[in-house]
Amino acid sequence: MIVVRNTFRLKFGKARDAIALWKEGMEIGKRAGMSDVRLMTDLTGPSYTLVMESTSPGLAEFEALAKNVMAMDEWKNWYQKFVPLVESGSREIFTIVG
């Protein structure tokens, strides 16, 4: 089992807009088969940080699901709304060991 953590550094003042959009994005993802997704914001550390975290059975399953989601027109349209709110982003993938 793996955890996929997508971290986005948002533009100043864009957290509310980004959170609202991600709630829409999570619904799109659910329709494509994504589950066990959570959205988190910073309490400490760099301001205007948004983290979307999900689990998957393994890398192959994550890759297949990501390919399906990113091929959806609905997701592509949603993504174009999200991109202008972001300064930078990164992805970390961890193996769950306990």
C-alpha atoms as a PDB file:
ATOM      1  CA  MET A   1       0.000   0.000   0.000  1.00  0.00           C
ATOM      2  CA  ILE A   2       1.281   3.477  -0.842  1.00  0.00           C
ATOM      3  CA  VAL A   3       0.453   7.057   0.130  1.00  0.00           C
ATOM      4  CA  VAL A   4       0.627   9.686  -2.600  1.00  0.00           C
ATOM      5  CA  ARG A   5       1.045  13.232  -1.284  1.00  0.00           C
ATOM      6  CA  ASN A   6       0.621  16.143  -3.701  1.00  0.00           C
ATOM      7  CA  THR A   7       1.734  19.436  -2.154  1.00  0.00           C
ATOM      8  CA  PHE A   8       0.793  22.745  -3.739  1.00  0.00           C
ATOM      9  CA  ARG A   9       2.219  26.146  -2.792  1.00  0.00           C
ATOM     10  CA  LEU A  10      -0.613  28.509  -3.591  1.00  0.00           C
ATOM     11  CA  LYS A  11      -0.448  32.111  -4.671  1.00  0.00           C
ATOM     12  CA  PHE A  12      -1.012  34.581  -1.844  1.00  0.00           C
ATOM     13  CA  GLY A  13      -4.696  34.900  -0.988  1.00  0.00           C
ATOM     14  CA  LYS A  14      -5.834  31.979  -3.150  1.00  0.00           C
ATOM     15  CA  ALA A  15      -6.366  29.308  -0.479  1.00  0.00           C
ATOM     16  CA  ARG A  16     -10.175  29.582  -0.339  1.00  0.00           C
ATOM     17  CA  ASP A  17     -10.478  29.396  -4.110  1.00  0.00           C
ATOM     18  CA  ALA A  18      -8.105  26.422  -4.269  1.00  0.00           C
ATOM     19  CA  ILE A  19      -9.897  24.530  -1.494  1.00  0.00           C
ATOM     20  CA  ALA A  20     -13.267  25.037  -3.174  1.00  0.00           C
ATOM     21  CA  LEU A  21     -11.859  23.851  -6.493  1.00  0.00           C
ATOM     22  CA  TRP A  22     -10.201  20.811  -4.926  1.00  0.00           C
ATOM     23  CA  LYS A  23     -13.503  19.770  -3.395  1.00  0.00           C
ATOM     24  CA  GLU A  24     -14.891  19.756  -6.945  1.00  0.00           C
ATOM     25  CA  GLY A  25     -11.791  17.936  -8.195  1.00  0.00           C
ATOM     26  CA  MET A  26     -12.141  15.258  -5.541  1.00  0.00           C
ATOM     27  CA  GLU A  27     -15.706  14.587  -6.718  1.00  0.00           C
ATOM     28  CA  ILE A  28     -14.466  14.201 -10.292  1.00  0.00           C
ATOM     29  CA  GLY A  29     -11.788  11.820  -9.038  1.00  0.00           C
ATOM     30  CA  LYS A  30     -14.330   9.771  -7.082  1.00  0.00           C
ATOM     31  CA  ARG A  31     -16.371   9.264 -10.235  1.00  0.00           C
ATOM     32  CA  ALA A  32     -13.201   7.913 -11.869  1.00  0.00           C
ATOM     33  CA  GLY A  33     -12.527   5.502  -9.001  1.00  0.00           C
ATOM     34  CA  MET A  34     -10.370   7.531  -6.603  1.00  0.00           C
ATOM     35  CA  SER A  35     -11.121   6.826  -2.978  1.00  0.00           C
ATOM     36  CA  ASP A  36      -9.560   7.479   0.392  1.00  0.00           C
ATOM     37  CA  VAL A  37      -8.571  11.036  -0.515  1.00  0.00           C
ATOM     38  CA  ARG A  38      -8.050  13.827   1.971  1.00  0.00           C
ATOM     39  CA  LEU A  39      -7.332  17.513   1.623  1.00  0.00           C
ATOM     40  CA  MET A  40      -5.182  19.357   4.178  1.00  0.00           C
ATOM     41  CA  THR A  41      -4.040  22.941   4.693  1.00  0.00           C
ATOM     42  CA  ASP A  42      -1.103  24.359   6.612  1.00  0.00           C
ATOM     43  CA  LEU A  43      -1.252  25.112  10.335  1.00  0.00           C
ATOM     44  CA  THR A  44       2.494  25.704  10.560  1.00  0.00           C
ATOM     45  CA  GLY A  45       5.286  25.902   8.025  1.00  0.00           C
ATOM     46  CA  PRO A  46       5.013  27.689   4.687  1.00  0.00           C
ATOM     47  CA  SER A  47       1.766  29.632   4.335  1.00  0.00           C
ATOM     48  CA  TYR A  48      -0.725  28.915   1.571  1.00  0.00           C
ATOM     49  CA  THR A  49       0.155  25.228   1.376  1.00  0.00           C
ATOM     50  CA  LEU A  50      -2.489  22.756   0.233  1.00  0.00           C
ATOM     51  CA  VAL A  51      -1.921  18.998   0.383  1.00  0.00           C
ATOM     52  CA  MET A  52      -4.010  16.356  -1.367  1.00  0.00           C
ATOM     53  CA  GLU A  53      -3.203  12.897  -0.059  1.00  0.00           C
ATOM     54  CA  SER A  54      -4.503   9.540  -1.255  1.00  0.00           C
ATOM     55  CA  THR A  55      -3.724   5.867  -0.873  1.00  0.00           C
ATOM     56  CA  SER A  56      -3.404   3.198  -3.517  1.00  0.00           C
ATOM     57  CA  PRO A  57      -2.587  -0.520  -3.457  1.00  0.00           C
ATOM     58  CA  GLY A  58       0.670   0.104  -5.348  1.00  0.00           C
ATOM     59  CA  LEU A  59       2.447   2.159  -7.983  1.00  0.00           C
ATOM     60  CA  ALA A  60       0.883   0.317 -10.928  1.00  0.00           C
ATOM     61  CA  GLU A  61      -2.643   0.931  -9.630  1.00  0.00           C
ATOM     62  CA  PHE A  62      -1.857   4.577  -8.902  1.00  0.00           C
ATOM     63  CA  GLU A  63      -0.435   5.056 -12.380  1.00  0.00           C
ATOM     64  CA  ALA A  64      -3.472   3.431 -14.055  1.00  0.00           C
ATOM     65  CA  LEU A  65      -5.936   5.519 -12.036  1.00  0.00           C
ATOM     66  CA  ALA A  66      -4.005   8.741 -12.674  1.00  0.00           C
ATOM     67  CA  LYS A  67      -3.995   8.006 -16.396  1.00  0.00           C
ATOM     68  CA  ASN A  68      -7.778   7.458 -16.367  1.00  0.00           C
ATOM     69  CA  VAL A  69      -8.503  10.599 -14.350  1.00  0.00           C
ATOM     70  CA  MET A  70      -6.212  12.824 -16.407  1.00  0.00           C
ATOM     71  CA  ALA A  71      -7.828  11.601 -19.637  1.00  0.00           C
ATOM     72  CA  MET A  72     -11.269  12.843 -18.541  1.00  0.00           C
ATOM     73  CA  ASP A  73     -12.440  16.069 -20.203  1.00  0.00           C
ATOM     74  CA  GLU A  74     -14.084  17.081 -16.931  1.00  0.00           C
ATOM     75  CA  TRP A  75     -10.720  16.769 -15.137  1.00  0.00           C
ATOM     76  CA  LYS A  76      -8.870  18.682 -17.861  1.00  0.00           C
ATOM     77  CA  ASN A  77     -11.358  21.559 -17.586  1.00  0.00           C
ATOM     78  CA  TRP A  78     -11.106  21.537 -13.797  1.00  0.00           C
ATOM     79  CA  TYR A  79      -7.298  21.506 -13.911  1.00  0.00           C
ATOM     80  CA  GLN A  80      -7.198  24.621 -16.093  1.00  0.00           C
ATOM     81  CA  LYS A  81      -9.066  26.472 -13.328  1.00  0.00           C
ATOM     82  CA  PHE A  82      -6.676  25.238 -10.620  1.00  0.00           C
ATOM     83  CA  VAL A  83      -3.338  25.950 -12.338  1.00  0.00           C
ATOM     84  CA  PRO A  84      -3.572  29.775 -12.090  1.00  0.00           C
ATOM     85  CA  LEU A  85      -3.875  29.516  -8.285  1.00  0.00           C
ATOM     86  CA  VAL A  86      -0.577  27.638  -7.837  1.00  0.00           C
ATOM     87  CA  GLU A  87       3.004  28.895  -7.465  1.00  0.00           C
ATOM     88  CA  SER A  88       4.592  25.429  -7.377  1.00  0.00           C
ATOM     89  CA  GLY A  89       3.903  21.827  -6.500  1.00  0.00           C
ATOM     90  CA  SER A  90       5.527  18.521  -5.686  1.00  0.00           C
ATOM     91  CA  ARG A  91       4.587  14.885  -5.244  1.00  0.00           C
ATOM     92  CA  GLU A  92       5.897  12.393  -2.707  1.00  0.00           C
ATOM     93  CA  ILE A  93       5.046   8.692  -2.684  1.00  0.00           C
ATOM     94  CA  PHE A  94       5.550   6.612   0.437  1.00  0.00           C
ATOM     95  CA  THR A  95       5.240   2.912   1.216  1.00  0.00           C
ATOM     96  CA  ILE A  96       3.015   2.253   4.233  1.00  0.00           C
ATOM     97  CA  VAL A  97       4.937   0.004   6.612  1.00  0.00           C
ATOM     98  CA  GLY A  98       2.799   0.067   9.727  1.00  0.00           C
END
